[in-house]
Amino acid sequence: MGLFLLQMSDESEMILTAGRATRTDTGDIGFERVDACGNWSRFCTVAGGQIKAAYARKTDGDGAERWEPQPSTGRWWAY
């Protein structure tokens, strides 16, 4: 499971837990979960126009936690 932070265009923030997050060519960010058979399904999509910035929670080599910025353009996925 991953932890994701979205900074919204209205200055609010949203934190979600999901198996992975994906960004589409149109800028929408989808959050997906996986079932016991390994099948992924999207359970939430946030429109790109509502998102100011996206971050994924990561652990550094020394064990420190941090929010890693995700690209604001192009397709990506984060776990």
PDB file of N, CA and C in Angstrom:
ATOM      1  N   MET A   1       0.836  -1.184   0.000  1.00  0.00           N
ATOM      2  CA  MET A   1       0.000   0.000   0.000  1.00  0.00           C
ATOM      3  C   MET A   1       0.873   1.236   0.000  1.00  0.00           C
ATOM      4  N   GLY A   2       0.423   2.235  -0.727  1.00  0.00           N
ATOM      5  CA  GLY A   2       1.130   3.502  -0.778  1.00  0.00           C
ATOM      6  C   GLY A   2       0.299   4.601  -0.142  1.00  0.00           C
ATOM      7  N   LEU A   3       0.969   5.649   0.258  1.00  0.00           N
ATOM      8  CA  LEU A   3       0.315   6.815   0.838  1.00  0.00           C
ATOM      9  C   LEU A   3       0.593   7.979  -0.098  1.00  0.00           C
ATOM     10  N   PHE A   4      -0.465   8.703  -0.486  1.00  0.00           N
ATOM     11  CA  PHE A   4      -0.351   9.757  -1.479  1.00  0.00           C
ATOM     12  C   PHE A   4      -0.981  11.042  -0.977  1.00  0.00           C
ATOM     13  N   LEU A   5      -0.357  12.161  -1.302  1.00  0.00           N
ATOM     14  CA  LEU A   5      -0.836  13.487  -0.919  1.00  0.00           C
ATOM     15  C   LEU A   5      -1.097  14.279  -2.190  1.00  0.00           C
ATOM     16  N   LEU A   6      -2.299  14.846  -2.293  1.00  0.00           N
ATOM     17  CA  LEU A   6      -2.632  15.748  -3.392  1.00  0.00           C
ATOM     18  C   LEU A   6      -2.841  17.137  -2.816  1.00  0.00           C
ATOM     19  N   GLN A   7      -2.152  18.120  -3.381  1.00  0.00           N
ATOM     20  CA  GLN A   7      -2.443  19.521  -3.074  1.00  0.00           C
ATOM     21  C   GLN A   7      -3.414  19.974  -4.145  1.00  0.00           C
ATOM     22  N   MET A   8      -4.573  20.419  -3.717  1.00  0.00           N
ATOM     23  CA  MET A   8      -5.640  20.761  -4.640  1.00  0.00           C
ATOM     24  C   MET A   8      -5.552  22.228  -5.070  1.00  0.00           C
ATOM     25  N   SER A   9      -6.158  22.541  -6.211  1.00  0.00           N
ATOM     26  CA  SER A   9      -6.104  23.906  -6.744  1.00  0.00           C
ATOM     27  C   SER A   9      -6.817  24.910  -5.836  1.00  0.00           C
ATOM     28  N   ASP A  10      -7.725  24.449  -4.959  1.00  0.00           N
ATOM     29  CA  ASP A  10      -8.398  25.350  -4.015  1.00  0.00           C
ATOM     30  C   ASP A  10      -7.626  25.485  -2.695  1.00  0.00           C
ATOM     31  N   GLU A  11      -6.363  25.013  -2.696  1.00  0.00           N
ATOM     32  CA  GLU A  11      -5.446  25.085  -1.544  1.00  0.00           C
ATOM     33  C   GLU A  11      -5.731  24.041  -0.463  1.00  0.00           C
ATOM     34  N   SER A  12      -6.696  23.159  -0.647  1.00  0.00           N
ATOM     35  CA  SER A  12      -6.913  22.078   0.308  1.00  0.00           C
ATOM     36  C   SER A  12      -5.959  20.926  -0.013  1.00  0.00           C
ATOM     37  N   GLU A  13      -5.932  19.932   0.844  1.00  0.00           N
ATOM     38  CA  GLU A  13      -5.087  18.756   0.634  1.00  0.00           C
ATOM     39  C   GLU A  13      -5.919  17.493   0.802  1.00  0.00           C
ATOM     40  N   MET A  14      -5.511  16.457   0.096  1.00  0.00           N
ATOM     41  CA  MET A  14      -6.184  15.166   0.182  1.00  0.00           C
ATOM     42  C   MET A  14      -5.110  14.103   0.364  1.00  0.00           C
ATOM     43  N   ILE A  15      -5.274  13.235   1.348  1.00  0.00           N
ATOM     44  CA  ILE A  15      -4.353  12.117   1.563  1.00  0.00           C
ATOM     45  C   ILE A  15      -5.126  10.835   1.325  1.00  0.00           C
ATOM     46  N   LEU A  16      -4.575   9.967   0.468  1.00  0.00           N
ATOM     47  CA  LEU A  16      -5.223   8.704   0.130  1.00  0.00           C
ATOM     48  C   LEU A  16      -4.260   7.552   0.318  1.00  0.00           C
ATOM     49  N   THR A  17      -4.806   6.408   0.668  1.00  0.00           N
ATOM     50  CA  THR A  17      -4.052   5.165   0.730  1.00  0.00           C
ATOM     51  C   THR A  17      -4.540   4.299  -0.423  1.00  0.00           C
ATOM     52  N   ALA A  18      -3.601   3.788  -1.218  1.00  0.00           N
ATOM     53  CA  ALA A  18      -3.967   2.970  -2.375  1.00  0.00           C
ATOM     54  C   ALA A  18      -2.804   2.047  -2.712  1.00  0.00           C
ATOM     55  N   GLY A  19      -3.101   1.032  -3.483  1.00  0.00           N
ATOM     56  CA  GLY A  19      -2.052   0.139  -3.948  1.00  0.00           C
ATOM     57  C   GLY A  19      -1.074   0.853  -4.864  1.00  0.00           C
ATOM     58  N   ARG A  20      -1.615   1.744  -5.722  1.00  0.00           N
ATOM     59  CA  ARG A  20      -0.776   2.576  -6.581  1.00  0.00           C
ATOM     60  C   ARG A  20      -1.590   3.765  -7.066  1.00  0.00           C
ATOM     61  N   ALA A  21      -0.874   4.775  -7.537  1.00  0.00           N
ATOM     62  CA  ALA A  21      -1.484   5.942  -8.160  1.00  0.00           C
ATOM     63  C   ALA A  21      -0.939   6.050  -9.573  1.00  0.00           C
ATOM     64  N   THR A  22      -1.778   6.491 -10.503  1.00  0.00           N
ATOM     65  CA  THR A  22      -1.362   6.654 -11.893  1.00  0.00           C
ATOM     66  C   THR A  22      -1.816   8.011 -12.395  1.00  0.00           C
ATOM     67  N   ARG A  23      -1.010   8.615 -13.275  1.00  0.00           N
ATOM     68  CA  ARG A  23      -1.389   9.877 -13.912  1.00  0.00           C
ATOM     69  C   ARG A  23      -1.600   9.602 -15.389  1.00  0.00           C
ATOM     70  N   THR A  24      -2.711  10.078 -15.922  1.00  0.00           N
ATOM     71  CA  THR A  24      -3.040   9.860 -17.326  1.00  0.00           C
ATOM     72  C   THR A  24      -2.463  10.984 -18.189  1.00  0.00           C
ATOM     73  N   ASP A  25      -2.554  10.819 -19.498  1.00  0.00           N
ATOM     74  CA  ASP A  25      -2.104  11.861 -20.430  1.00  0.00           C
ATOM     75  C   ASP A  25      -2.887  13.159 -20.252  1.00  0.00           C
ATOM     76  N   THR A  26      -4.130  13.061 -19.785  1.00  0.00           N
ATOM     77  CA  THR A  26      -4.958  14.252 -19.591  1.00  0.00           C
ATOM     78  C   THR A  26      -4.730  14.913 -18.239  1.00  0.00           C
ATOM     79  N   GLY A  27      -3.882  14.322 -17.399  1.00  0.00           N
ATOM     80  CA  GLY A  27      -3.563  14.906 -16.103  1.00  0.00           C
ATOM     81  C   GLY A  27      -4.385  14.391 -14.945  1.00  0.00           C
ATOM     82  N   ASP A  28      -5.385  13.539 -15.223  1.00  0.00           N
ATOM     83  CA  ASP A  28      -6.167  12.947 -14.135  1.00  0.00           C
ATOM     84  C   ASP A  28      -5.288  11.979 -13.343  1.00  0.00           C
ATOM     85  N   ILE A  29      -5.533  11.885 -12.055  1.00  0.00           N
ATOM     86  CA  ILE A  29      -4.804  10.927 -11.225  1.00  0.00           C
ATOM     87  C   ILE A  29      -5.797   9.899 -10.702  1.00  0.00           C
ATOM     88  N   GLY A  30      -5.513   8.641 -10.985  1.00  0.00           N
ATOM     89  CA  GLY A  30      -6.360   7.543 -10.545  1.00  0.00           C
ATOM     90  C   GLY A  30      -5.683   6.761  -9.434  1.00  0.00           C
ATOM     91  N   PHE A  31      -6.475   6.282  -8.511  1.00  0.00           N
ATOM     92  CA  PHE A  31      -5.973   5.476  -7.400  1.00  0.00           C
ATOM     93  C   PHE A  31      -6.540   4.080  -7.542  1.00  0.00           C
ATOM     94  N   GLU A  32      -5.662   3.084  -7.432  1.00  0.00           N
ATOM     95  CA  GLU A  32      -6.036   1.703  -7.710  1.00  0.00           C
ATOM     96  C   GLU A  32      -5.699   0.788  -6.549  1.00  0.00           C
ATOM     97  N   ARG A  33      -6.435  -0.309  -6.480  1.00  0.00           N
ATOM     98  CA  ARG A  33      -6.165  -1.361  -5.494  1.00  0.00           C
ATOM     99  C   ARG A  33      -6.049  -2.676  -6.249  1.00  0.00           C
ATOM    100  N   VAL A  34      -5.458  -3.659  -5.604  1.00  0.00           N
ATOM    101  CA  VAL A  34      -5.262  -4.969  -6.231  1.00  0.00           C
ATOM    102  C   VAL A  34      -5.978  -6.031  -5.403  1.00  0.00           C
ATOM    103  N   ASP A  35      -6.578  -7.000  -6.103  1.00  0.00           N
ATOM    104  CA  ASP A  35      -7.245  -8.080  -5.385  1.00  0.00           C
ATOM    105  C   ASP A  35      -6.289  -9.252  -5.172  1.00  0.00           C
ATOM    106  N   ALA A  36      -6.752 -10.300  -4.538  1.00  0.00           N
ATOM    107  CA  ALA A  36      -5.910 -11.458  -4.205  1.00  0.00           C
ATOM    108  C   ALA A  36      -5.378 -12.175  -5.440  1.00  0.00           C
ATOM    109  N   CYS A  37      -6.011 -11.968  -6.594  1.00  0.00           N
ATOM    110  CA  CYS A  37      -5.566 -12.614  -7.840  1.00  0.00           C
ATOM    111  C   CYS A  37      -4.610 -11.733  -8.637  1.00  0.00           C
ATOM    112  N   GLY A  38      -4.296 -10.547  -8.131  1.00  0.00           N
ATOM    113  CA  GLY A  38      -3.369  -9.649  -8.818  1.00  0.00           C
ATOM    114  C   GLY A  38      -4.020  -8.732  -9.837  1.00  0.00           C
ATOM    115  N   ASN A  39      -5.343  -8.620  -9.812  1.00  0.00           N
ATOM    116  CA  ASN A  39      -6.068  -7.752 -10.741  1.00  0.00           C
ATOM    117  C   ASN A  39      -6.214  -6.355 -10.147  1.00  0.00           C
ATOM    118  N   TRP A  40      -5.787  -5.332 -10.902  1.00  0.00           N
ATOM    119  CA  TRP A  40      -5.875  -3.948 -10.450  1.00  0.00           C
ATOM    120  C   TRP A  40      -7.214  -3.359 -10.852  1.00  0.00           C
ATOM    121  N   SER A  41      -7.796  -2.522  -9.989  1.00  0.00           N
ATOM    122  CA  SER A  41      -9.026  -1.804 -10.317  1.00  0.00           C
ATOM    123  C   SER A  41      -8.959  -0.403  -9.719  1.00  0.00           C
ATOM    124  N   ARG A  42      -9.440   0.556 -10.476  1.00  0.00           N
ATOM    125  CA  ARG A  42      -9.443   1.952 -10.030  1.00  0.00           C
ATOM    126  C   ARG A  42     -10.648   2.183  -9.123  1.00  0.00           C
ATOM    127  N   PHE A  43     -10.410   2.826  -7.973  1.00  0.00           N
ATOM    128  CA  PHE A  43     -11.510   3.117  -7.060  1.00  0.00           C
ATOM    129  C   PHE A  43     -11.749   4.601  -6.875  1.00  0.00           C
ATOM    130  N   CYS A  44     -10.851   5.440  -7.401  1.00  0.00           N
ATOM    131  CA  CYS A  44     -11.007   6.890  -7.259  1.00  0.00           C
ATOM    132  C   CYS A  44     -10.217   7.572  -8.368  1.00  0.00           C
ATOM    133  N   THR A  45     -10.809   8.590  -8.974  1.00  0.00           N
ATOM    134  CA  THR A  45     -10.116   9.406  -9.974  1.00  0.00           C
ATOM    135  C   THR A  45     -10.331  10.868  -9.621  1.00  0.00           C
ATOM    136  N   VAL A  46      -9.246  11.651  -9.647  1.00  0.00           N
ATOM    137  CA  VAL A  46      -9.328  13.084  -9.388  1.00  0.00           C
ATOM    138  C   VAL A  46      -8.944  13.794 -10.687  1.00  0.00           C
ATOM    139  N   ALA A  47      -9.784  14.713 -11.123  1.00  0.00           N
ATOM    140  CA  ALA A  47      -9.549  15.430 -12.373  1.00  0.00           C
ATOM    141  C   ALA A  47      -8.289  16.285 -12.283  1.00  0.00           C
ATOM    142  N   GLY A  48      -7.515  16.279 -13.354  1.00  0.00           N
ATOM    143  CA  GLY A  48      -6.254  17.010 -13.385  1.00  0.00           C
ATOM    144  C   GLY A  48      -6.393  18.494 -13.088  1.00  0.00           C
ATOM    145  N   GLY A  49      -7.502  19.104 -13.515  1.00  0.00           N
ATOM    146  CA  GLY A  49      -7.714  20.521 -13.270  1.00  0.00           C
ATOM    147  C   GLY A  49      -7.890  20.877 -11.803  1.00  0.00           C
ATOM    148  N   GLN A  50      -8.153  19.893 -10.974  1.00  0.00           N
ATOM    149  CA  GLN A  50      -8.329  20.134  -9.533  1.00  0.00           C
ATOM    150  C   GLN A  50      -7.024  19.963  -8.753  1.00  0.00           C
ATOM    151  N   ILE A  51      -5.962  19.490  -9.429  1.00  0.00           N
ATOM    152  CA  ILE A  51      -4.724  19.129  -8.734  1.00  0.00           C
ATOM    153  C   ILE A  51      -3.630  20.156  -8.991  1.00  0.00           C
ATOM    154  N   LYS A  52      -3.052  20.640  -7.910  1.00  0.00           N
ATOM    155  CA  LYS A  52      -1.916  21.568  -7.992  1.00  0.00           C
ATOM    156  C   LYS A  52      -0.596  20.794  -7.972  1.00  0.00           C
ATOM    157  N   ALA A  53      -0.502  19.754  -7.117  1.00  0.00           N
ATOM    158  CA  ALA A  53       0.720  18.941  -7.004  1.00  0.00           C
ATOM    159  C   ALA A  53       0.365  17.591  -6.402  1.00  0.00           C
ATOM    160  N   ALA A  54       1.166  16.584  -6.751  1.00  0.00           N
ATOM    161  CA  ALA A  54       0.964  15.228  -6.218  1.00  0.00           C
ATOM    162  C   ALA A  54       2.273  14.723  -5.624  1.00  0.00           C
ATOM    163  N   TYR A  55       2.152  13.980  -4.522  1.00  0.00           N
ATOM    164  CA  TYR A  55       3.310  13.431  -3.821  1.00  0.00           C
ATOM    165  C   TYR A  55       3.035  11.986  -3.424  1.00  0.00           C
ATOM    166  N   ALA A  56       4.092  11.195  -3.394  1.00  0.00           N
ATOM    167  CA  ALA A  56       4.017   9.825  -2.883  1.00  0.00           C
ATOM    168  C   ALA A  56       4.917   9.740  -1.647  1.00  0.00           C
ATOM    169  N   ARG A  57       4.473   9.057  -0.613  1.00  0.00           N
ATOM    170  CA  ARG A  57       5.267   8.893   0.611  1.00  0.00           C
ATOM    171  C   ARG A  57       6.343   7.846   0.350  1.00  0.00           C
ATOM    172  N   LYS A  58       7.585   8.195   0.597  1.00  0.00           N
ATOM    173  CA  LYS A  58       8.718   7.298   0.356  1.00  0.00           C
ATOM    174  C   LYS A  58       9.594   7.216   1.596  1.00  0.00           C
ATOM    175  N   THR A  59      10.344   6.126   1.687  1.00  0.00           N
ATOM    176  CA  THR A  59      11.294   5.931   2.780  1.00  0.00           C
ATOM    177  C   THR A  59      12.699   6.014   2.206  1.00  0.00           C
ATOM    178  N   ASP A  60      13.516   6.908   2.752  1.00  0.00           N
ATOM    179  CA  ASP A  60      14.910   7.038   2.323  1.00  0.00           C
ATOM    180  C   ASP A  60      15.723   5.843   2.797  1.00  0.00           C
ATOM    181  N   GLY A  61      16.942   5.727   2.290  1.00  0.00           N
ATOM    182  CA  GLY A  61      17.834   4.640   2.673  1.00  0.00           C
ATOM    183  C   GLY A  61      18.139   4.601   4.161  1.00  0.00           C
ATOM    184  N   ASP A  62      18.086   5.767   4.823  1.00  0.00           N
ATOM    185  CA  ASP A  62      18.362   5.816   6.270  1.00  0.00           C
ATOM    186  C   ASP A  62      17.098   5.629   7.102  1.00  0.00           C
ATOM    187  N   GLY A  63      15.963   5.333   6.437  1.00  0.00           N
ATOM    188  CA  GLY A  63      14.720   5.080   7.155  1.00  0.00           C
ATOM    189  C   GLY A  63      13.840   6.296   7.363  1.00  0.00           C
ATOM    190  N   ALA A  64      14.302   7.478   6.918  1.00  0.00           N
ATOM    191  CA  ALA A  64      13.500   8.692   7.082  1.00  0.00           C
ATOM    192  C   ALA A  64      12.358   8.721   6.060  1.00  0.00           C
ATOM    193  N   GLU A  65      11.187   9.147   6.499  1.00  0.00           N
ATOM    194  CA  GLU A  65      10.029   9.268   5.620  1.00  0.00           C
ATOM    195  C   GLU A  65       9.999  10.655   4.993  1.00  0.00           C
ATOM    196  N   ARG A  66       9.544  10.735   3.733  1.00  0.00           N
ATOM    197  CA  ARG A  66       9.424  12.035   3.065  1.00  0.00           C
ATOM    198  C   ARG A  66       8.354  11.960   1.988  1.00  0.00           C
ATOM    199  N   TRP A  67       7.844  13.117   1.576  1.00  0.00           N
ATOM    200  CA  TRP A  67       6.910  13.209   0.461  1.00  0.00           C
ATOM    201  C   TRP A  67       7.723  13.448  -0.802  1.00  0.00           C
ATOM    202  N   GLU A  68       7.641  12.541  -1.752  1.00  0.00           N
ATOM    203  CA  GLU A  68       8.373  12.660  -3.013  1.00  0.00           C
ATOM    204  C   GLU A  68       7.443  13.266  -4.071  1.00  0.00           C
ATOM    205  N   PRO A  69       7.824  14.444  -4.620  1.00  0.00           N
ATOM    206  CA  PRO A  69       6.980  15.067  -5.647  1.00  0.00           C
ATOM    207  C   PRO A  69       6.893  14.168  -6.888  1.00  0.00           C
ATOM    208  N   GLN A  70       5.701  14.108  -7.465  1.00  0.00           N
ATOM    209  CA  GLN A  70       5.483  13.364  -8.698  1.00  0.00           C
ATOM    210  C   GLN A  70       5.445  14.355  -9.860  1.00  0.00           C
ATOM    211  N   PRO A  71       5.820  13.933 -11.059  1.00  0.00           N
ATOM    212  CA  PRO A  71       5.848  14.855 -12.205  1.00  0.00           C
ATOM    213  C   PRO A  71       4.475  15.474 -12.475  1.00  0.00           C
ATOM    214  N   SER A  72       4.485  16.730 -12.904  1.00  0.00           N
ATOM    215  CA  SER A  72       3.226  17.423 -13.206  1.00  0.00           C
ATOM    216  C   SER A  72       2.821  17.258 -14.669  1.00  0.00           C
ATOM    217  N   THR A  73       3.649  16.573 -15.444  1.00  0.00           N
ATOM    218  CA  THR A  73       3.320  16.316 -16.854  1.00  0.00           C
ATOM    219  C   THR A  73       3.626  14.864 -17.179  1.00  0.00           C
ATOM    220  N   GLY A  74       2.999  14.371 -18.229  1.00  0.00           N
ATOM    221  CA  GLY A  74       3.263  13.006 -18.689  1.00  0.00           C
ATOM    222  C   GLY A  74       2.626  11.943 -17.816  1.00  0.00           C
ATOM    223  N   ARG A  75       2.702  10.723 -18.296  1.00  0.00           N
ATOM    224  CA  ARG A  75       2.143   9.575 -17.566  1.00  0.00           C
ATOM    225  C   ARG A  75       3.137   9.106 -16.513  1.00  0.00           C
ATOM    226  N   TRP A  76       2.646   8.660 -15.385  1.00  0.00           N
ATOM    227  CA  TRP A  76       3.481   8.039 -14.354  1.00  0.00           C
ATOM    228  C   TRP A  76       2.626   7.146 -13.477  1.00  0.00           C
ATOM    229  N   TRP A  77       3.279   6.337 -12.713  1.00  0.00           N
ATOM    230  CA  TRP A  77       2.626   5.540 -11.677  1.00  0.00           C
ATOM    231  C   TRP A  77       3.554   5.487 -10.492  1.00  0.00           C
ATOM    232  N   ALA A  78       2.999   5.381  -9.308  1.00  0.00           N
ATOM    233  CA  ALA A  78       3.786   5.330  -8.073  1.00  0.00           C
ATOM    234  C   ALA A  78       3.150   4.319  -7.149  1.00  0.00           C
ATOM    235  N   TYR A  79       4.002   3.595  -6.414  1.00  0.00           N
ATOM    236  CA  TYR A  79       3.544   2.578  -5.475  1.00  0.00           C
ATOM    237  C   TYR A  79       3.845   3.015  -4.065  1.00  0.00           C
TER     238      TYR A  79
END
